[in-house]
Amino acid sequence: MSLKEQNAALILINLQKGFDEEEYWGGNRNNKDAEKKASIILTKWRTVNLPIFHIVHSSQNPNSRVHETHPGFEIKDEVKPINGEPVIKKNVNSAFIGTDLKERLDKQGINMLVIIGMTTNFCVSTSTRMAGDLGFDILLISDATAAFDTIGINGEKFSSETIHQTTLANLNNEFAQVIDTKKLLELV
């Protein structure tokens, strides 16, 4: 059964301009084409008229690059909502806590989610795990997500690619099926 027949919803998480300030988030972002891939996926979803939900992070830290008073709060141009596509604000890592996302999905009878966005190891991972626990079937798109370098508990630096791949490995076949954009588009 195709994703079109399953009425699969596209969930775009935190594709906000503030994530362009790499050093703030740890630097050395991997997957520099993630927004390009996200735009391709979004265009396809619009073409086949499948449900789309834009999720934005509204940080409670006034110094954050994604605080509502910072220009970085804005959604990136290549994936801006159009035609009344819903934009849901969250202020924690999960797209489900403190929002009406689950209610919206349930109201539309949606069981299948396609998740893309920023960052792989924080909001994408948390939202994917929670969606899986809530019973949704999930496709997580590896090349439409990205991570930054991370400092470990002993001060060691972990590369963004290591963080990205390890996070995807932890989610794959447990909370989601991890695939790339090319494979996803074959399924629509």
C-alpha atoms as a PDB file:
ATOM      1  CA  MET A   1       0.000   0.000   0.000  1.00  0.00           C
ATOM      2  CA  SER A   2       1.399   3.397  -0.986  1.00  0.00           C
ATOM      3  CA  LEU A   3       1.891   6.251   1.442  1.00  0.00           C
ATOM      4  CA  LYS A   4      -0.791   8.116  -0.502  1.00  0.00           C
ATOM      5  CA  GLU A   5      -3.259   5.303   0.177  1.00  0.00           C
ATOM      6  CA  GLN A   6      -2.221   5.317   3.853  1.00  0.00           C
ATOM      7  CA  ASN A   7      -2.798   9.087   4.131  1.00  0.00           C
ATOM      8  CA  ALA A   8       0.709   9.445   5.603  1.00  0.00           C
ATOM      9  CA  ALA A   9       1.363  12.766   7.343  1.00  0.00           C
ATOM     10  CA  LEU A  10       4.598  14.679   6.866  1.00  0.00           C
ATOM     11  CA  ILE A  11       5.971  16.083  10.129  1.00  0.00           C
ATOM     12  CA  LEU A  12       8.602  18.809   9.627  1.00  0.00           C
ATOM     13  CA  ILE A  13      10.387  19.457  12.910  1.00  0.00           C
ATOM     14  CA  ASN A  14      12.288  22.671  13.736  1.00  0.00           C
ATOM     15  CA  LEU A  15      13.341  23.629  10.218  1.00  0.00           C
ATOM     16  CA  GLN A  16      14.057  27.101  11.550  1.00  0.00           C
ATOM     17  CA  LYS A  17      16.629  29.724  10.567  1.00  0.00           C
ATOM     18  CA  GLY A  18      18.236  29.678  14.012  1.00  0.00           C
ATOM     19  CA  PHE A  19      19.824  26.309  13.221  1.00  0.00           C
ATOM     20  CA  ASP A  20      22.000  28.043  10.604  1.00  0.00           C
ATOM     21  CA  GLU A  21      24.036  29.434  13.513  1.00  0.00           C
ATOM     22  CA  GLU A  22      26.008  26.190  13.791  1.00  0.00           C
ATOM     23  CA  GLU A  23      28.460  27.179  16.511  1.00  0.00           C
ATOM     24  CA  TYR A  24      25.606  27.907  18.902  1.00  0.00           C
ATOM     25  CA  TRP A  25      24.453  24.286  18.593  1.00  0.00           C
ATOM     26  CA  GLY A  26      27.906  22.632  18.703  1.00  0.00           C
ATOM     27  CA  GLY A  27      29.239  23.290  15.189  1.00  0.00           C
ATOM     28  CA  ASN A  28      30.248  21.033  12.314  1.00  0.00           C
ATOM     29  CA  ARG A  29      26.711  20.169  11.224  1.00  0.00           C
ATOM     30  CA  ASN A  30      26.459  17.062   9.092  1.00  0.00           C
ATOM     31  CA  ASN A  31      24.024  16.487   6.252  1.00  0.00           C
ATOM     32  CA  LYS A  32      24.176  19.994   4.773  1.00  0.00           C
ATOM     33  CA  ASP A  33      21.517  19.076   2.164  1.00  0.00           C
ATOM     34  CA  ALA A  34      18.864  18.172   4.748  1.00  0.00           C
ATOM     35  CA  GLU A  35      16.744  21.250   3.967  1.00  0.00           C
ATOM     36  CA  LYS A  36      17.037  20.601   0.229  1.00  0.00           C
ATOM     37  CA  LYS A  37      15.806  17.038   0.777  1.00  0.00           C
ATOM     38  CA  ALA A  38      13.062  18.331   3.090  1.00  0.00           C
ATOM     39  CA  SER A  39      11.940  20.749   0.380  1.00  0.00           C
ATOM     40  CA  ILE A  40      11.777  17.936  -2.196  1.00  0.00           C
ATOM     41  CA  ILE A  41       9.691  15.824   0.199  1.00  0.00           C
ATOM     42  CA  LEU A  42       7.420  18.759   1.080  1.00  0.00           C
ATOM     43  CA  THR A  43       6.830  19.519  -2.600  1.00  0.00           C
ATOM     44  CA  LYS A  44       5.858  15.883  -3.207  1.00  0.00           C
ATOM     45  CA  TRP A  45       3.450  15.908  -0.224  1.00  0.00           C
ATOM     46  CA  ARG A  46       1.817  19.045  -1.561  1.00  0.00           C
ATOM     47  CA  THR A  47       1.563  17.569  -5.073  1.00  0.00           C
ATOM     48  CA  VAL A  48      -0.243  14.437  -3.874  1.00  0.00           C
ATOM     49  CA  ASN A  49      -2.267  16.379  -1.286  1.00  0.00           C
ATOM     50  CA  LEU A  50      -1.167  14.502   1.818  1.00  0.00           C
ATOM     51  CA  PRO A  51      -1.346  15.992   5.354  1.00  0.00           C
ATOM     52  CA  ILE A  52       1.503  18.296   6.420  1.00  0.00           C
ATOM     53  CA  PHE A  53       2.350  19.562   9.914  1.00  0.00           C
ATOM     54  CA  HIS A  54       5.094  22.116  10.573  1.00  0.00           C
ATOM     55  CA  ILE A  55       6.500  21.960  14.100  1.00  0.00           C
ATOM     56  CA  VAL A  56       8.546  24.876  15.458  1.00  0.00           C
ATOM     57  CA  HIS A  57      10.554  25.023  18.645  1.00  0.00           C
ATOM     58  CA  SER A  58       9.720  28.028  20.791  1.00  0.00           C
ATOM     59  CA  SER A  59      12.568  28.039  23.290  1.00  0.00           C
ATOM     60  CA  GLN A  60      11.883  29.396  26.741  1.00  0.00           C
ATOM     61  CA  ASN A  61      15.494  30.659  26.911  1.00  0.00           C
ATOM     62  CA  PRO A  62      15.457  34.308  25.753  1.00  0.00           C
ATOM     63  CA  ASN A  63      19.046  33.910  24.449  1.00  0.00           C
ATOM     64  CA  SER A  64      18.212  30.904  22.261  1.00  0.00           C
ATOM     65  CA  ARG A  65      18.441  31.195  18.482  1.00  0.00           C
ATOM     66  CA  VAL A  66      14.908  29.758  18.328  1.00  0.00           C
ATOM     67  CA  HIS A  67      13.299  32.013  20.935  1.00  0.00           C
ATOM     68  CA  GLU A  68      10.267  33.788  19.438  1.00  0.00           C
ATOM     69  CA  THR A  69      11.997  37.183  19.749  1.00  0.00           C
ATOM     70  CA  HIS A  70      15.026  36.018  17.720  1.00  0.00           C
ATOM     71  CA  PRO A  71      14.989  36.119  13.891  1.00  0.00           C
ATOM     72  CA  GLY A  72      16.066  32.461  13.964  1.00  0.00           C
ATOM     73  CA  PHE A  73      12.608  31.439  15.181  1.00  0.00           C
ATOM     74  CA  GLU A  74      11.316  31.811  11.600  1.00  0.00           C
ATOM     75  CA  ILE A  75      10.835  28.727   9.418  1.00  0.00           C
ATOM     76  CA  LYS A  76      13.393  28.419   6.622  1.00  0.00           C
ATOM     77  CA  ASP A  77      12.314  29.783   3.256  1.00  0.00           C
ATOM     78  CA  GLU A  78      12.613  26.488   1.370  1.00  0.00           C
ATOM     79  CA  VAL A  79      10.050  24.803   3.634  1.00  0.00           C
ATOM     80  CA  LYS A  80       7.748  27.710   4.581  1.00  0.00           C
ATOM     81  CA  PRO A  81       4.114  26.746   5.203  1.00  0.00           C
ATOM     82  CA  ILE A  82       1.557  27.660   2.546  1.00  0.00           C
ATOM     83  CA  ASN A  83      -2.223  27.395   2.081  1.00  0.00           C
ATOM     84  CA  GLY A  84      -3.068  27.111   5.749  1.00  0.00           C
ATOM     85  CA  GLU A  85      -0.662  24.269   6.507  1.00  0.00           C
ATOM     86  CA  PRO A  86      -0.708  23.995  10.305  1.00  0.00           C
ATOM     87  CA  VAL A  87       2.208  25.325  12.341  1.00  0.00           C
ATOM     88  CA  ILE A  88       2.392  23.862  15.833  1.00  0.00           C
ATOM     89  CA  LYS A  89       4.579  25.480  18.493  1.00  0.00           C
ATOM     90  CA  LYS A  90       6.317  23.374  21.097  1.00  0.00           C
ATOM     91  CA  ASN A  91       8.703  24.331  23.873  1.00  0.00           C
ATOM     92  CA  VAL A  92      10.137  20.920  24.745  1.00  0.00           C
ATOM     93  CA  ASN A  93      11.858  18.312  22.584  1.00  0.00           C
ATOM     94  CA  SER A  94       8.724  16.287  21.829  1.00  0.00           C
ATOM     95  CA  ALA A  95       6.285  17.536  19.207  1.00  0.00           C
ATOM     96  CA  PHE A  96       3.542  15.829  21.241  1.00  0.00           C
ATOM     97  CA  ILE A  97       3.977  17.348  24.717  1.00  0.00           C
ATOM     98  CA  GLY A  98       2.046  20.556  25.290  1.00  0.00           C
ATOM     99  CA  THR A  99       0.631  20.522  21.739  1.00  0.00           C
ATOM    100  CA  ASP A 100      -2.475  19.212  20.008  1.00  0.00           C
ATOM    101  CA  LEU A 101      -0.514  17.243  17.383  1.00  0.00           C
ATOM    102  CA  LYS A 102      -1.794  13.822  18.482  1.00  0.00           C
ATOM    103  CA  GLU A 103      -5.389  15.071  18.550  1.00  0.00           C
ATOM    104  CA  ARG A 104      -5.022  16.525  15.051  1.00  0.00           C
ATOM    105  CA  LEU A 105      -3.554  13.266  13.735  1.00  0.00           C
ATOM    106  CA  ASP A 106      -6.253  11.182  15.415  1.00  0.00           C
ATOM    107  CA  LYS A 107      -9.013  13.466  14.094  1.00  0.00           C
ATOM    108  CA  GLN A 108      -7.742  12.884  10.545  1.00  0.00           C
ATOM    109  CA  GLY A 109      -7.355   9.129  11.076  1.00  0.00           C
ATOM    110  CA  ILE A 110      -3.598   9.270  10.485  1.00  0.00           C
ATOM    111  CA  ASN A 111      -1.552   6.244  11.528  1.00  0.00           C
ATOM    112  CA  MET A 112       1.576   6.708   9.381  1.00  0.00           C
ATOM    113  CA  LEU A 113       4.072   9.542   9.942  1.00  0.00           C
ATOM    114  CA  VAL A 114       7.063  10.657   7.895  1.00  0.00           C
ATOM    115  CA  ILE A 115       9.457  12.616  10.109  1.00  0.00           C
ATOM    116  CA  ILE A 116      12.143  15.063   8.959  1.00  0.00           C
ATOM    117  CA  GLY A 117      13.923  18.030  10.524  1.00  0.00           C
ATOM    118  CA  MET A 118      16.320  19.231  13.183  1.00  0.00           C
ATOM    119  CA  THR A 119      18.093  17.909  15.138  1.00  0.00           C
ATOM    120  CA  THR A 120      18.438  14.173  14.778  1.00  0.00           C
ATOM    121  CA  ASN A 121      19.507  13.469  18.354  1.00  0.00           C
ATOM    122  CA  PHE A 122      17.181  15.895  20.129  1.00  0.00           C
ATOM    123  CA  CYS A 123      13.739  16.889  18.866  1.00  0.00           C
ATOM    124  CA  VAL A 124      13.623  14.434  15.958  1.00  0.00           C
ATOM    125  CA  SER A 125      14.607  11.515  18.182  1.00  0.00           C
ATOM    126  CA  THR A 126      12.315  12.509  21.051  1.00  0.00           C
ATOM    127  CA  SER A 127       9.325  13.054  18.757  1.00  0.00           C
ATOM    128  CA  THR A 128      10.000   9.785  16.902  1.00  0.00           C
ATOM    129  CA  ARG A 129      10.236   7.808  20.126  1.00  0.00           C
ATOM    130  CA  MET A 130       7.048   9.307  21.505  1.00  0.00           C
ATOM    131  CA  ALA A 131       5.164   8.798  18.229  1.00  0.00           C
ATOM    132  CA  GLY A 132       6.265   5.159  18.242  1.00  0.00           C
ATOM    133  CA  ASP A 133       5.127   4.743  21.825  1.00  0.00           C
ATOM    134  CA  LEU A 134       1.777   6.293  20.882  1.00  0.00           C
ATOM    135  CA  GLY A 135       1.327   3.595  18.240  1.00  0.00           C
ATOM    136  CA  PHE A 136       2.130   5.457  15.020  1.00  0.00           C
ATOM    137  CA  ASP A 137       4.009   3.777  12.179  1.00  0.00           C
ATOM    138  CA  ILE A 138       6.976   5.993  11.330  1.00  0.00           C
ATOM    139  CA  LEU A 139       9.359   6.524   8.461  1.00  0.00           C
ATOM    140  CA  LEU A 140      12.334   8.601   9.594  1.00  0.00           C
ATOM    141  CA  ILE A 141      14.216  10.129   6.674  1.00  0.00           C
ATOM    142  CA  SER A 142      17.968   9.910   7.257  1.00  0.00           C
ATOM    143  CA  ASP A 143      19.086  12.509   4.720  1.00  0.00           C
ATOM    144  CA  ALA A 144      16.394  15.059   5.676  1.00  0.00           C
ATOM    145  CA  THR A 145      17.634  15.300   9.268  1.00  0.00           C
ATOM    146  CA  ALA A 146      20.918  16.597  10.689  1.00  0.00           C
ATOM    147  CA  ALA A 147      22.977  16.875  13.870  1.00  0.00           C
ATOM    148  CA  PHE A 148      25.840  18.919  15.316  1.00  0.00           C
ATOM    149  CA  ASP A 149      29.033  17.953  17.125  1.00  0.00           C
ATOM    150  CA  THR A 150      28.419  17.052  20.760  1.00  0.00           C
ATOM    151  CA  ILE A 151      30.663  17.113  23.812  1.00  0.00           C
ATOM    152  CA  GLY A 152      30.500  13.902  25.852  1.00  0.00           C
ATOM    153  CA  ILE A 153      30.310  13.544  29.605  1.00  0.00           C
ATOM    154  CA  ASN A 154      34.110  13.287  29.872  1.00  0.00           C
ATOM    155  CA  GLY A 155      34.755  16.271  27.625  1.00  0.00           C
ATOM    156  CA  GLU A 156      35.399  14.233  24.480  1.00  0.00           C
ATOM    157  CA  LYS A 157      34.031  15.527  21.176  1.00  0.00           C
ATOM    158  CA  PHE A 158      31.689  13.344  19.153  1.00  0.00           C
ATOM    159  CA  SER A 159      31.324  14.260  15.483  1.00  0.00           C
ATOM    160  CA  SER A 160      27.969  15.277  14.109  1.00  0.00           C
ATOM    161  CA  GLU A 161      28.027  12.311  11.728  1.00  0.00           C
ATOM    162  CA  THR A 162      28.653   9.883  14.609  1.00  0.00           C
ATOM    163  CA  ILE A 163      25.829  11.466  16.609  1.00  0.00           C
ATOM    164  CA  HIS A 164      23.513  11.350  13.564  1.00  0.00           C
ATOM    165  CA  GLN A 165      24.272   7.739  12.622  1.00  0.00           C
ATOM    166  CA  THR A 166      24.148   6.476  16.217  1.00  0.00           C
ATOM    167  CA  THR A 167      20.807   8.166  16.830  1.00  0.00           C
ATOM    168  CA  LEU A 168      19.359   6.720  13.614  1.00  0.00           C
ATOM    169  CA  ALA A 169      20.683   3.262  14.545  1.00  0.00           C
ATOM    170  CA  ASN A 170      19.003   3.491  17.957  1.00  0.00           C
ATOM    171  CA  LEU A 171      15.656   4.429  16.391  1.00  0.00           C
ATOM    172  CA  ASN A 172      15.699   2.045  13.420  1.00  0.00           C
ATOM    173  CA  ASN A 173      13.418  -1.000  13.694  1.00  0.00           C
ATOM    174  CA  GLU A 174      12.510  -0.061  17.255  1.00  0.00           C
ATOM    175  CA  PHE A 175      10.599   3.215  16.890  1.00  0.00           C
ATOM    176  CA  ALA A 176      10.778   3.812  13.130  1.00  0.00           C
ATOM    177  CA  GLN A 177      11.982   2.515   9.836  1.00  0.00           C
ATOM    178  CA  VAL A 178      14.906   4.681   8.748  1.00  0.00           C
ATOM    179  CA  ILE A 179      15.110   5.282   4.992  1.00  0.00           C
ATOM    180  CA  ASP A 180      16.423   8.007   2.683  1.00  0.00           C
ATOM    181  CA  THR A 181      14.557  10.509   0.499  1.00  0.00           C
ATOM    182  CA  LYS A 182      14.970   8.463  -2.687  1.00  0.00           C
ATOM    183  CA  LYS A 183      13.366   5.397  -1.094  1.00  0.00           C
ATOM    184  CA  LEU A 184      10.590   7.517   0.460  1.00  0.00           C
ATOM    185  CA  LEU A 185       9.599   9.039  -2.877  1.00  0.00           C
ATOM    186  CA  GLU A 186       9.303   5.546  -4.362  1.00  0.00           C
ATOM    187  CA  LEU A 187       6.716   4.719  -1.681  1.00  0.00           C
ATOM    188  CA  VAL A 188       4.371   7.685  -2.220  1.00  0.00           C
END
